[in-house]
Amino acid sequence: MSRKCTETTAHAMAATPPSALEVSFLRLPIYPQRHKFSFLPLLIWEGSSTDFCLKRNNNMVKICCIGAGYVGGPTMAVIALKCPAIEVVVVDISIARINAWNSDQLPIYEPGLDDVVKQCRGKNLFFSHEVEKHVFEADIIFVSVNTPTKTCGLGAGKAADLTYWESAARMIGNVSKSDKIVVEKSTVPVRTAEAIEKILTHNNKGVNYQILSNPEFLAEGTAIQDLFNPDRVLIGGRKTPEGQKAVQTLKDVYTQWVPEDRVITANLWSAELSKLAANAFLAQRISSVNAISALCEATGADVAEVAYCIGKDSRIGPKFLNASVGFGGSCFQKDILNLVYICECNGLPEVANYWKQVIKINDYQKSRFVSRVVAPMFNTVSGKKIAVLGFAFKKDTGDTRETPAIDVCKGLLGNNASISIYDPQVTEDQIQRDLTMNKFDWDHPIHLQPMSPTTVKQVSVASDAYEAAKGAHAICILTEWDEFKGLDYQKIYGNMKKPAFLFDGRNVVDVEKLREIGFIVYSIGKPLDPWLLQDVSVVD
């Protein structure tokens, strides 16, 4: 006969019920006295095969996340789903963003996110603009705020701007009355935790803080699955008794659904650097295969075949070997620039120059693509309509931060082209923002982003791919949305100016079928169309 939990505040389903006498513990912090972390067993099984109870002085343990963006929102939603005995509150100073999280139209698009939020919102997952209130009440505070690249002053163009992080730390220090675990979730430079510790220590008012690094390793478009089944969860903390207790506390949260052998612990500096290094390595692979794609075009090789052969080597593997118009997203370029700056500050110019080349190749690939568009169209696109299919930096997301489409579109606009853009998840307002914004401005909160008073008149936004391509001289595919593979290209061809060009920046179309229809096709890293072979200026 099973016994019920007494003084229950929440229940959680156990994937594997314990035996009749087993007891599971979630060591989450309570603070009976200042300056000392104390941990008690809080998750207790009392006989039922499914009933658990979590207590912290008869209250739910509370997590607060500062920042309701692409990282904070999905991460906290999954923690709330997997840990129903923990109260999770996501806070942000943007009332509009919080209102969106509390609506049926979430502020970001991510497959599976809507279902997760709907299951938890109003139960143990909440979104609020009352930042100080929830920071005051929290036991664990995740900080997931913007860390843009500096645009002026020392380190401009490379160093991370920690203005928002410092502001968050000072606010935590001002409002806290009980001990806190503060978790770095934003990607930050190495030894940022040390700076945060100094701010909190000098404003502690008798409160004890432990700083942890818990970088995210999410890929947009698969973020929910990445959170459900991560390759690893990394937690960095001080190698002190108090620091290791804090590490264990956060580890116990994640191991509610993540196998323990996938939760890696390290010192603070290793954890901070691991995030920058991981993104640099991934971007390096993309730039490497893109560099090979240029050589393939020059020699008649096929980059897809070359990448397949390379990827069969078990030491290399097949991932991140798809040639494209270039990498984008909020992390890769920003983190590499940050890594370059850190190397320069530590007297490692050769290392800094090595990583600079990853970005140089990425910029080269985008400018090379623009040249491939302009040169075969009689070396001019002035006044010509170019259909751009896809504006997000990758499929299955509406994120346009550092998307290659921005630089490609600006390059075409610089040649006086008229552009019609279609993307299934990016709004016209966002497209116009991106095309009028200065570099790096995108990584500031939206209400602080400087805006041009005018829109780009040569740019229109279409409701579907067919509308975008109607009357166009050329099509540029810049995002690998699945729908672009199944379009009726015969119909599209019939409504275009002739000769009709298609420039595939993601290698998603069947090149030979399109050539049979009548298109002049360029696909990155593929043997060139005879029409393109007539032009040699593009490889100068």
Protein backbone atom coordinates (compact mmCIF):
# COMPACT_ATOMS: atom_id res chain seq x y z
CA MET A 1 0.00 0.00 0.00
CA SER A 2 1.43 3.38 -0.97
CA ARG A 3 1.58 6.36 1.33
CA LYS A 4 0.98 9.90 0.16
CA CYS A 5 3.43 12.75 0.48
CA THR A 6 2.73 14.90 3.48
CA GLU A 7 3.01 18.69 3.32
CA THR A 8 3.19 18.33 -0.45
CA THR A 9 3.81 21.43 -2.53
CA ALA A 10 4.15 19.67 -5.90
CA HIS A 11 4.29 16.25 -7.50
CA ALA A 12 6.61 14.90 -10.17
CA MET A 13 6.52 11.73 -12.21
CA ALA A 14 9.52 9.45 -11.73
CA ALA A 15 10.94 7.89 -14.89
CA THR A 16 12.20 4.92 -12.84
CA PRO A 17 10.42 4.49 -9.48
CA PRO A 18 12.76 3.81 -6.56
CA SER A 19 12.51 0.71 -4.44
CA ALA A 20 10.30 0.76 -1.37
CA LEU A 21 12.92 2.11 1.01
CA GLU A 22 14.90 4.40 -1.30
CA VAL A 23 15.04 8.12 -0.72
CA SER A 24 16.09 10.64 -3.39
CA PHE A 25 17.48 14.00 -2.41
CA LEU A 26 17.54 17.29 -4.26
CA ARG A 27 19.98 19.42 -2.33
CA LEU A 28 18.64 22.89 -2.86
CA PRO A 29 19.76 25.73 -0.63
CA ILE A 30 18.09 27.07 2.46
CA TYR A 31 19.77 29.78 4.41
CA PRO A 32 19.30 29.58 8.18
CA GLN A 33 22.15 31.99 8.78
CA ARG A 34 24.17 34.51 6.84
CA HIS A 35 27.55 33.84 5.24
CA LYS A 36 27.03 30.10 5.20
CA PHE A 37 25.41 27.85 2.62
CA SER A 38 23.39 25.01 4.09
CA PHE A 39 21.79 22.16 2.18
CA LEU A 40 19.00 19.84 3.24
CA PRO A 41 17.44 16.82 1.52
CA LEU A 42 14.31 18.24 -0.05
CA LEU A 43 13.05 15.75 -2.62
CA ILE A 44 11.73 12.82 -0.63
CA TRP A 45 10.03 9.64 -1.78
CA GLU A 46 7.50 8.30 0.67
CA GLY A 47 6.34 5.01 -0.77
CA SER A 48 4.23 5.78 -3.84
CA SER A 49 5.68 4.75 -7.20
CA THR A 50 5.00 8.19 -8.65
CA ASP A 51 4.64 10.74 -5.87
CA PHE A 52 7.48 13.01 -4.85
CA CYS A 53 7.36 16.08 -2.71
CA LEU A 54 9.69 19.06 -2.71
CA LYS A 55 9.83 21.30 0.33
CA ARG A 56 11.80 24.36 1.31
CA ASN A 57 10.36 25.53 4.58
CA ASN A 58 7.00 24.45 3.11
CA ASN A 59 7.57 26.67 0.04
CA MET A 60 8.60 25.81 -3.49
CA VAL A 61 12.23 26.43 -4.36
CA LYS A 62 12.29 29.43 -6.69
CA ILE A 63 14.40 30.08 -9.78
CA CYS A 64 14.41 33.51 -11.41
CA CYS A 65 15.87 34.14 -14.86
CA ILE A 66 16.75 37.70 -15.87
CA GLY A 67 16.24 37.95 -19.62
CA ALA A 68 13.32 36.56 -21.65
CA GLY A 69 15.13 36.02 -24.94
CA TYR A 70 16.17 33.09 -27.12
CA VAL A 71 18.10 31.44 -24.27
CA GLY A 72 16.26 32.40 -21.10
CA GLY A 73 12.72 31.67 -22.30
CA PRO A 74 13.17 28.14 -23.71
CA THR A 75 15.66 27.05 -21.02
CA MET A 76 13.42 28.08 -18.15
CA ALA A 77 10.34 26.59 -19.83
CA VAL A 78 12.03 23.18 -20.01
CA ILE A 79 13.31 23.40 -16.42
CA ALA A 80 9.74 24.16 -15.32
CA LEU A 81 8.39 21.23 -17.33
CA LYS A 82 10.95 18.76 -16.03
CA CYS A 83 10.97 20.05 -12.43
CA PRO A 84 7.32 20.71 -11.53
CA ALA A 85 8.26 21.12 -7.85
CA ILE A 86 10.33 24.22 -8.66
CA GLU A 87 8.78 27.62 -9.30
CA VAL A 88 10.39 29.30 -12.31
CA VAL A 89 9.92 32.99 -13.13
CA VAL A 90 11.35 34.67 -16.23
CA VAL A 91 11.68 38.44 -15.88
CA ASP A 92 12.48 41.18 -18.37
CA ILE A 93 12.28 44.96 -18.40
CA SER A 94 10.48 44.83 -21.75
CA ILE A 95 6.76 44.80 -20.96
CA ALA A 96 5.93 44.05 -24.60
CA ARG A 97 8.16 40.96 -24.57
CA ILE A 98 6.67 39.69 -21.31
CA ASN A 99 3.15 40.26 -22.63
CA ALA A 100 4.07 38.19 -25.68
CA TRP A 101 5.32 35.33 -23.48
CA ASN A 102 1.98 35.44 -21.66
CA SER A 103 0.01 35.35 -24.93
CA ASP A 104 -0.73 32.76 -27.60
CA GLN A 105 1.84 34.42 -29.89
CA LEU A 106 5.25 33.84 -28.30
CA PRO A 107 7.96 36.41 -29.10
CA ILE A 108 10.26 33.79 -30.65
CA TYR A 109 9.65 30.86 -32.96
CA GLU A 110 11.14 27.54 -31.95
CA PRO A 111 9.65 24.12 -32.81
CA GLY A 112 8.07 22.57 -29.71
CA LEU A 113 8.42 25.67 -27.53
CA ASP A 114 4.74 26.62 -27.68
CA ASP A 115 3.65 23.23 -26.32
CA VAL A 116 6.16 23.33 -23.45
CA VAL A 117 5.12 26.83 -22.40
CA LYS A 118 1.41 25.99 -22.53
CA GLN A 119 1.92 22.96 -20.28
CA CYS A 120 3.66 24.94 -17.53
CA ARG A 121 2.59 28.58 -17.77
CA GLY A 122 0.47 29.63 -14.82
CA LYS A 123 1.40 26.49 -12.87
CA ASN A 124 5.09 26.69 -12.03
CA LEU A 125 6.26 28.85 -14.96
CA PHE A 126 5.62 32.59 -14.92
CA PHE A 127 6.69 35.60 -16.99
CA SER A 128 6.87 38.99 -15.31
CA HIS A 129 8.29 42.50 -15.69
CA GLU A 130 8.55 42.86 -11.89
CA VAL A 131 12.26 42.15 -11.98
CA GLU A 132 13.33 43.25 -8.50
CA LYS A 133 10.45 41.48 -6.74
CA HIS A 134 11.30 38.08 -8.18
CA VAL A 135 15.06 38.51 -7.81
CA PHE A 136 14.46 39.29 -4.14
CA GLU A 137 12.41 36.09 -3.70
CA ALA A 138 14.65 33.74 -5.71
CA ASP A 139 17.08 31.12 -4.43
CA ILE A 140 18.82 30.66 -7.79
CA ILE A 141 19.16 33.52 -10.29
CA PHE A 142 20.04 32.84 -13.92
CA VAL A 143 21.34 35.88 -15.81
CA SER A 144 20.66 35.68 -19.54
CA VAL A 145 21.08 39.25 -20.77
CA ASN A 146 22.58 40.70 -23.94
CA THR A 147 26.37 40.80 -24.21
CA PRO A 148 26.82 42.75 -27.47
CA THR A 149 30.09 43.57 -29.15
CA LYS A 150 31.37 47.00 -28.13
CA THR A 151 30.92 49.66 -30.80
CA CYS A 152 33.07 52.36 -29.20
CA GLY A 153 35.84 52.78 -26.66
CA LEU A 154 38.41 50.22 -25.58
CA GLY A 155 38.04 46.99 -27.55
CA ALA A 156 35.48 48.42 -29.99
CA GLY A 157 34.53 45.94 -32.70
CA LYS A 158 35.80 42.92 -30.75
CA ALA A 159 35.32 43.03 -26.97
CA ALA A 160 32.05 42.04 -25.32
CA ASP A 161 30.07 44.90 -23.81
CA LEU A 162 29.13 43.81 -20.29
CA THR A 163 26.99 46.86 -19.51
CA TYR A 164 23.80 44.83 -19.15
CA TRP A 165 25.53 42.14 -17.10
CA GLU A 166 26.99 44.70 -14.71
CA SER A 167 23.60 46.40 -14.39
CA ALA A 168 21.98 43.06 -13.54
CA ALA A 169 24.66 42.27 -10.95
CA ARG A 170 24.27 45.64 -9.26
CA MET A 171 20.50 45.21 -9.15
CA ILE A 172 20.88 41.75 -7.58
CA GLY A 173 23.21 43.21 -4.97
CA ASN A 174 20.82 46.06 -4.21
CA VAL A 175 17.65 44.02 -3.69
CA SER A 176 18.90 40.75 -2.18
CA LYS A 177 18.32 40.06 1.51
CA SER A 178 19.03 36.31 1.47
CA ASP A 179 21.91 34.25 0.08
CA LYS A 180 21.80 33.55 -3.66
CA ILE A 181 23.31 31.33 -6.31
CA VAL A 182 23.91 33.51 -9.39
CA VAL A 183 24.29 31.60 -12.65
CA GLU A 184 25.95 32.99 -15.78
CA LYS A 185 23.79 31.84 -18.69
CA SER A 186 24.85 34.52 -21.17
CA THR A 187 28.03 33.89 -23.13
CA VAL A 188 30.67 36.00 -21.40
CA PRO A 189 34.44 36.57 -21.58
CA VAL A 190 36.72 34.45 -19.43
CA ARG A 191 36.88 35.66 -15.81
CA THR A 192 33.62 37.60 -15.99
CA ALA A 193 32.53 35.73 -12.87
CA GLU A 194 35.41 37.36 -11.02
CA ALA A 195 34.13 40.82 -11.95
CA ILE A 196 30.59 39.89 -10.91
CA GLU A 197 31.89 38.56 -7.59
CA LYS A 198 33.61 41.89 -6.92
CA ILE A 199 30.43 43.85 -7.59
CA LEU A 200 28.32 41.61 -5.37
CA THR A 201 30.95 41.38 -2.62
CA HIS A 202 31.22 45.16 -2.35
CA ASN A 203 27.43 45.46 -2.20
CA ASN A 204 26.65 42.33 -0.21
CA LYS A 205 24.88 43.82 2.85
CA GLY A 206 25.68 40.62 4.69
CA VAL A 207 24.40 38.40 1.86
CA ASN A 208 26.51 35.51 0.59
CA TYR A 209 26.69 34.81 -3.16
CA GLN A 210 28.05 31.90 -5.16
CA ILE A 211 28.68 32.53 -8.87
CA LEU A 212 28.34 29.65 -11.32
CA SER A 213 28.94 29.41 -15.06
CA ASN A 214 26.34 27.34 -16.90
CA PRO A 215 26.74 28.19 -20.60
CA GLU A 216 24.07 27.15 -23.07
CA PHE A 217 24.88 24.88 -26.01
CA LEU A 218 21.61 25.23 -27.92
CA ALA A 219 21.12 25.26 -31.66
CA GLU A 220 18.22 27.41 -32.78
CA GLY A 221 15.64 25.34 -34.59
CA THR A 222 16.35 22.35 -32.34
CA ALA A 223 16.63 24.15 -28.98
CA ILE A 224 13.83 22.25 -27.26
CA GLN A 225 15.20 18.87 -28.28
CA ASP A 226 18.68 20.05 -27.26
CA LEU A 227 17.30 20.90 -23.83
CA PHE A 228 15.38 17.63 -23.51
CA ASN A 229 18.37 15.53 -24.57
CA PRO A 230 21.59 17.56 -24.28
CA ASP A 231 25.02 16.29 -25.32
CA ARG A 232 26.26 17.77 -22.06
CA VAL A 233 25.40 20.26 -19.36
CA LEU A 234 28.41 22.23 -18.15
CA ILE A 235 28.54 23.78 -14.68
CA GLY A 236 31.56 25.74 -13.50
CA GLY A 237 32.11 26.91 -9.95
CA ARG A 238 34.73 27.80 -7.39
CA LYS A 239 36.78 24.91 -6.00
CA THR A 240 35.76 25.81 -2.46
CA PRO A 241 33.37 23.86 -0.22
CA GLU A 242 30.72 26.57 -0.69
CA GLY A 243 31.34 26.72 -4.43
CA GLN A 244 31.06 22.96 -4.85
CA LYS A 245 27.83 22.87 -2.83
CA ALA A 246 26.40 25.47 -5.20
CA VAL A 247 27.55 23.40 -8.19
CA GLN A 248 25.85 20.34 -6.70
CA THR A 249 22.65 22.32 -6.17
CA LEU A 250 22.41 23.25 -9.85
CA LYS A 251 23.50 19.77 -10.89
CA ASP A 252 20.63 18.31 -8.89
CA VAL A 253 18.19 20.45 -10.85
CA TYR A 254 19.44 19.20 -14.22
CA THR A 255 19.70 15.56 -13.19
CA GLN A 256 15.95 15.49 -12.73
CA TRP A 257 15.95 14.60 -16.44
CA VAL A 258 19.54 14.66 -17.72
CA PRO A 259 21.67 11.53 -17.12
CA GLU A 260 24.28 12.31 -14.49
CA ASP A 261 27.19 11.32 -16.73
CA ARG A 262 26.23 14.13 -19.12
CA VAL A 263 26.50 16.81 -16.43
CA ILE A 264 30.10 18.03 -16.48
CA THR A 265 31.59 20.11 -13.69
CA ALA A 266 34.65 22.33 -14.08
CA ASN A 267 36.24 25.41 -12.61
CA LEU A 268 34.70 28.77 -13.47
CA TRP A 269 37.27 29.84 -16.03
CA SER A 270 37.20 26.52 -17.90
CA ALA A 271 33.42 26.69 -18.17
CA GLU A 272 33.46 30.27 -19.46
CA LEU A 273 36.17 29.53 -22.04
CA SER A 274 34.57 26.25 -23.16
CA LYS A 275 31.56 28.10 -24.54
CA LEU A 276 33.68 30.51 -26.60
CA ALA A 277 35.91 27.68 -27.81
CA ALA A 278 32.97 25.46 -28.81
CA ASN A 279 31.43 28.18 -30.97
CA ALA A 280 34.81 29.02 -32.49
CA PHE A 281 35.39 25.38 -33.45
CA LEU A 282 31.94 25.07 -35.04
CA ALA A 283 32.35 28.29 -37.02
CA GLN A 284 35.82 27.15 -38.06
CA ARG A 285 34.36 24.01 -39.66
CA ILE A 286 31.86 26.07 -41.66
CA SER A 287 34.53 28.48 -42.88
CA SER A 288 36.78 25.53 -43.75
CA VAL A 289 34.20 23.84 -45.97
CA ASN A 290 33.23 27.20 -47.48
CA ALA A 291 36.87 27.83 -48.37
CA ILE A 292 36.93 24.42 -50.07
CA SER A 293 33.70 25.32 -51.91
CA ALA A 294 35.49 28.16 -53.70
CA LEU A 295 38.23 25.77 -54.78
CA CYS A 296 35.63 23.24 -55.95
CA GLU A 297 34.06 25.83 -58.25
CA ALA A 298 37.47 26.68 -59.68
CA THR A 299 38.40 23.04 -60.36
CA GLY A 300 35.06 21.39 -61.22
CA ALA A 301 34.87 19.36 -58.01
CA ASP A 302 31.59 19.00 -56.08
CA VAL A 303 31.78 20.27 -52.50
CA ALA A 304 28.99 17.91 -51.38
CA GLU A 305 31.01 14.91 -52.53
CA VAL A 306 34.21 16.27 -51.00
CA ALA A 307 32.46 16.99 -47.67
CA TYR A 308 30.92 13.51 -47.65
CA CYS A 309 34.32 11.90 -48.14
CA ILE A 310 35.88 14.07 -45.44
CA GLY A 311 33.03 13.37 -43.03
CA LYS A 312 33.44 9.60 -43.33
CA ASP A 313 36.73 9.97 -41.48
CA SER A 314 35.77 9.12 -37.90
CA ARG A 315 38.28 11.68 -36.63
CA ILE A 316 36.39 14.45 -38.43
CA GLY A 317 32.74 13.38 -38.67
CA PRO A 318 30.00 14.76 -40.94
CA LYS A 319 28.49 17.59 -38.91
CA PHE A 320 28.89 21.27 -39.85
CA LEU A 321 30.31 20.42 -43.27
CA ASN A 322 27.50 21.87 -45.40
CA ALA A 323 28.81 24.59 -47.69
CA SER A 324 26.66 27.71 -47.71
CA VAL A 325 26.55 31.45 -48.21
CA GLY A 326 28.03 31.79 -44.72
CA PHE A 327 27.27 31.31 -41.05
CA GLY A 328 25.08 33.64 -39.02
CA GLY A 329 23.28 33.76 -35.70
CA SER A 330 23.92 35.65 -32.52
CA CYS A 331 26.94 33.69 -31.30
CA PHE A 332 29.56 32.65 -33.82
CA GLN A 333 30.94 35.98 -35.02
CA LYS A 334 30.46 37.74 -31.69
CA ASP A 335 32.17 34.96 -29.73
CA ILE A 336 35.09 34.69 -32.14
CA LEU A 337 35.65 38.46 -32.00
CA ASN A 338 35.57 38.19 -28.22
CA LEU A 339 38.07 35.32 -28.36
CA VAL A 340 40.33 37.39 -30.63
CA TYR A 341 40.24 40.29 -28.18
CA ILE A 342 41.04 38.05 -25.21
CA CYS A 343 43.99 36.56 -27.10
CA GLU A 344 45.30 40.02 -27.97
CA CYS A 345 44.94 41.18 -24.36
CA ASN A 346 46.92 38.15 -23.21
CA GLY A 347 49.80 38.75 -25.62
CA LEU A 348 48.84 36.02 -28.12
CA PRO A 349 48.70 37.83 -31.49
CA GLU A 350 49.36 34.68 -33.53
CA VAL A 351 46.41 32.92 -31.90
CA ALA A 352 44.23 36.00 -32.42
CA ASN A 353 45.14 36.14 -36.12
CA TYR A 354 44.29 32.47 -36.53
CA TRP A 355 40.73 32.99 -35.30
CA LYS A 356 40.34 36.22 -37.29
CA GLN A 357 40.67 34.16 -40.46
CA VAL A 358 37.46 32.27 -39.64
CA ILE A 359 35.52 35.53 -39.85
CA LYS A 360 37.44 36.75 -42.90
CA ILE A 361 36.48 33.61 -44.83
CA ASN A 362 32.86 34.05 -43.77
CA ASP A 363 32.85 37.65 -45.02
CA TYR A 364 34.58 36.54 -48.22
CA GLN A 365 31.93 33.88 -48.85
CA LYS A 366 29.12 36.43 -48.63
CA SER A 367 30.83 38.96 -50.90
CA ARG A 368 31.75 36.15 -53.31
CA PHE A 369 28.08 35.16 -53.50
CA VAL A 370 27.07 38.73 -54.38
CA SER A 371 29.69 38.76 -57.13
CA ARG A 372 28.36 35.45 -58.44
CA VAL A 373 24.92 37.07 -58.71
CA VAL A 374 25.99 40.30 -60.39
CA ALA A 375 28.65 39.10 -62.84
CA PRO A 376 26.61 36.65 -64.98
CA MET A 377 23.67 39.07 -65.19
CA PHE A 378 25.71 41.12 -67.67
CA ASN A 379 27.62 42.61 -64.74
CA THR A 380 24.70 44.76 -63.60
CA VAL A 381 21.60 44.30 -61.47
CA SER A 382 20.65 47.97 -61.50
CA GLY A 383 16.86 48.26 -61.59
CA LYS A 384 16.45 44.48 -61.78
CA LYS A 385 14.14 42.60 -59.42
CA ILE A 386 15.89 39.95 -57.34
CA ALA A 387 13.75 37.53 -55.31
CA VAL A 388 15.32 36.58 -51.98
CA LEU A 389 13.92 33.38 -50.50
CA GLY A 390 14.75 33.16 -46.82
CA PHE A 391 16.00 35.86 -44.47
CA ALA A 392 16.47 34.02 -41.14
CA PHE A 393 20.02 32.83 -40.50
CA LYS A 394 18.85 29.18 -40.63
CA LYS A 395 15.63 27.22 -41.04
CA ASP A 396 13.15 26.59 -38.22
CA THR A 397 13.79 29.92 -36.52
CA GLY A 398 12.75 33.52 -36.99
CA ASP A 399 16.11 34.78 -35.74
CA THR A 400 17.85 37.17 -38.13
CA ARG A 401 20.82 38.17 -35.98
CA GLU A 402 23.97 38.23 -38.16
CA THR A 403 22.08 36.39 -40.91
CA PRO A 404 24.09 36.26 -44.16
CA ALA A 405 20.98 37.59 -45.89
CA ILE A 406 21.65 41.05 -44.47
CA ASP A 407 25.07 41.40 -46.10
CA VAL A 408 23.92 39.78 -49.35
CA CYS A 409 20.90 42.09 -49.59
CA LYS A 410 23.01 45.13 -48.76
CA GLY A 411 25.49 44.07 -51.42
CA LEU A 412 22.72 43.79 -54.02
CA LEU A 413 21.18 47.09 -52.92
CA GLY A 414 24.62 48.64 -53.29
CA ASN A 415 24.42 47.55 -56.92
CA ASN A 416 21.00 49.27 -57.21
CA ALA A 417 18.95 46.08 -57.35
CA SER A 418 15.29 45.94 -56.35
CA ILE A 419 14.69 43.13 -53.84
CA SER A 420 11.55 41.16 -53.00
CA ILE A 421 11.99 39.06 -49.85
CA TYR A 422 9.99 36.11 -48.56
CA ASP A 423 10.61 34.26 -45.30
CA PRO A 424 7.91 32.20 -43.54
CA GLN A 425 8.91 33.36 -40.04
CA VAL A 426 10.45 36.83 -40.38
CA THR A 427 8.24 39.92 -40.35
CA GLU A 428 8.53 42.89 -42.68
CA ASP A 429 9.28 45.12 -39.71
CA GLN A 430 12.21 42.91 -38.69
CA ILE A 431 13.59 42.82 -42.24
CA GLN A 432 13.47 46.61 -42.51
CA ARG A 433 15.09 46.95 -39.08
CA ASP A 434 17.94 44.67 -40.08
CA LEU A 435 18.60 46.46 -43.35
CA THR A 436 18.67 49.92 -41.75
CA MET A 437 20.50 49.04 -38.52
CA ASN A 438 24.20 49.54 -37.94
CA LYS A 439 26.38 46.51 -37.32
CA PHE A 440 26.15 45.13 -33.75
CA ASP A 441 23.09 47.27 -32.89
CA TRP A 442 20.90 44.14 -33.13
CA ASP A 443 22.33 42.75 -29.89
CA HIS A 444 20.91 45.49 -27.71
CA PRO A 445 17.40 45.29 -26.20
CA ILE A 446 14.89 46.25 -28.88
CA HIS A 447 13.82 49.47 -27.13
CA LEU A 448 17.46 50.63 -27.15
CA GLN A 449 18.14 49.84 -30.80
CA PRO A 450 18.70 53.00 -32.87
CA MET A 451 16.34 53.08 -35.81
CA SER A 452 16.51 54.75 -39.19
CA PRO A 453 13.48 57.02 -39.72
CA THR A 454 12.98 55.61 -43.21
CA THR A 455 12.62 52.18 -44.75
CA VAL A 456 14.62 50.79 -47.65
CA LYS A 457 12.46 51.73 -50.64
CA GLN A 458 14.06 49.18 -52.97
CA VAL A 459 12.94 46.35 -50.65
CA SER A 460 9.49 44.76 -50.61
CA VAL A 461 8.30 41.79 -48.57
CA ALA A 462 6.18 39.10 -50.24
CA SER A 463 3.59 36.77 -48.73
CA ASP A 464 4.98 33.68 -50.48
CA ALA A 465 7.78 32.54 -52.76
CA TYR A 466 5.66 32.79 -55.91
CA GLU A 467 4.82 36.43 -55.28
CA ALA A 468 8.47 37.22 -54.53
CA ALA A 469 9.67 35.62 -57.77
CA LYS A 470 6.99 37.04 -60.08
CA GLY A 471 8.65 39.27 -62.66
CA ALA A 472 12.10 38.72 -61.12
CA HIS A 473 15.31 38.39 -63.10
CA ALA A 474 16.85 36.11 -60.48
CA ILE A 475 16.19 34.15 -57.30
CA CYS A 476 18.61 33.93 -54.37
CA ILE A 477 17.96 31.16 -51.82
CA LEU A 478 19.52 32.33 -48.56
CA THR A 479 17.80 30.10 -45.95
CA GLU A 480 17.37 26.33 -46.22
CA TRP A 481 13.64 26.24 -45.43
CA ASP A 482 12.20 22.85 -46.39
CA GLU A 483 9.39 24.45 -48.38
CA PHE A 484 11.89 25.80 -50.91
CA LYS A 485 12.71 22.23 -51.96
CA GLY A 486 9.12 21.52 -52.99
CA LEU A 487 8.22 24.70 -54.87
CA ASP A 488 6.73 24.48 -58.37
CA TYR A 489 9.78 25.83 -60.14
CA GLN A 490 8.20 25.31 -63.55
CA LYS A 491 5.47 27.77 -62.54
CA ILE A 492 8.03 30.15 -61.06
CA TYR A 493 10.14 30.03 -64.22
CA GLY A 494 7.14 30.88 -66.35
CA ASN A 495 6.56 34.11 -64.42
CA MET A 496 10.18 35.33 -64.43
CA LYS A 497 12.17 37.51 -66.81
CA LYS A 498 14.44 35.61 -69.20
CA PRO A 499 17.14 34.50 -68.94
CA ALA A 500 16.04 33.37 -65.47
CA PHE A 501 18.77 32.89 -62.88
CA LEU A 502 18.69 30.94 -59.62
CA PHE A 503 21.51 31.34 -57.11
CA ASP A 504 21.31 28.68 -54.41
CA GLY A 505 23.18 29.79 -51.29
CA ARG A 506 22.15 26.70 -49.32
CA ASN A 507 22.39 23.88 -51.89
CA VAL A 508 18.75 22.86 -51.43
CA VAL A 509 17.53 22.56 -55.04
CA ASP A 510 18.04 19.85 -57.65
CA VAL A 511 20.40 21.69 -59.98
CA GLU A 512 19.93 19.43 -63.01
CA LYS A 513 16.12 19.53 -62.85
CA LEU A 514 16.15 23.32 -62.72
CA ARG A 515 18.52 23.50 -65.67
CA GLU A 516 16.16 21.25 -67.62
CA ILE A 517 13.36 23.73 -66.89
CA GLY A 518 15.51 26.52 -68.29
CA PHE A 519 17.11 28.17 -65.27
CA ILE A 520 20.73 29.26 -65.24
CA VAL A 521 21.74 27.83 -61.86
CA TYR A 522 24.56 28.60 -59.49
CA SER A 523 24.90 26.34 -56.45
CA ILE A 524 27.73 26.91 -53.98
CA GLY A 525 30.68 24.59 -54.49
CA LYS A 526 29.07 22.75 -57.43
CA PRO A 527 30.40 22.46 -61.00
CA LEU A 528 29.54 25.73 -62.70
CA ASP A 529 26.80 26.26 -65.26
CA PRO A 530 28.29 26.82 -68.75
CA TRP A 531 26.87 30.35 -68.68
CA LEU A 532 28.86 31.08 -65.52
CA LEU A 533 32.03 29.62 -66.99
CA GLN A 534 32.04 32.45 -69.51
CA ASP A 535 32.72 34.91 -66.69
CA VAL A 536 36.10 35.01 -64.95
CA SER A 537 35.94 38.31 -63.06
CA VAL A 538 34.16 36.77 -60.08
CA VAL A 539 37.20 34.76 -59.00
CA ASP A 540 39.59 37.71 -59.02
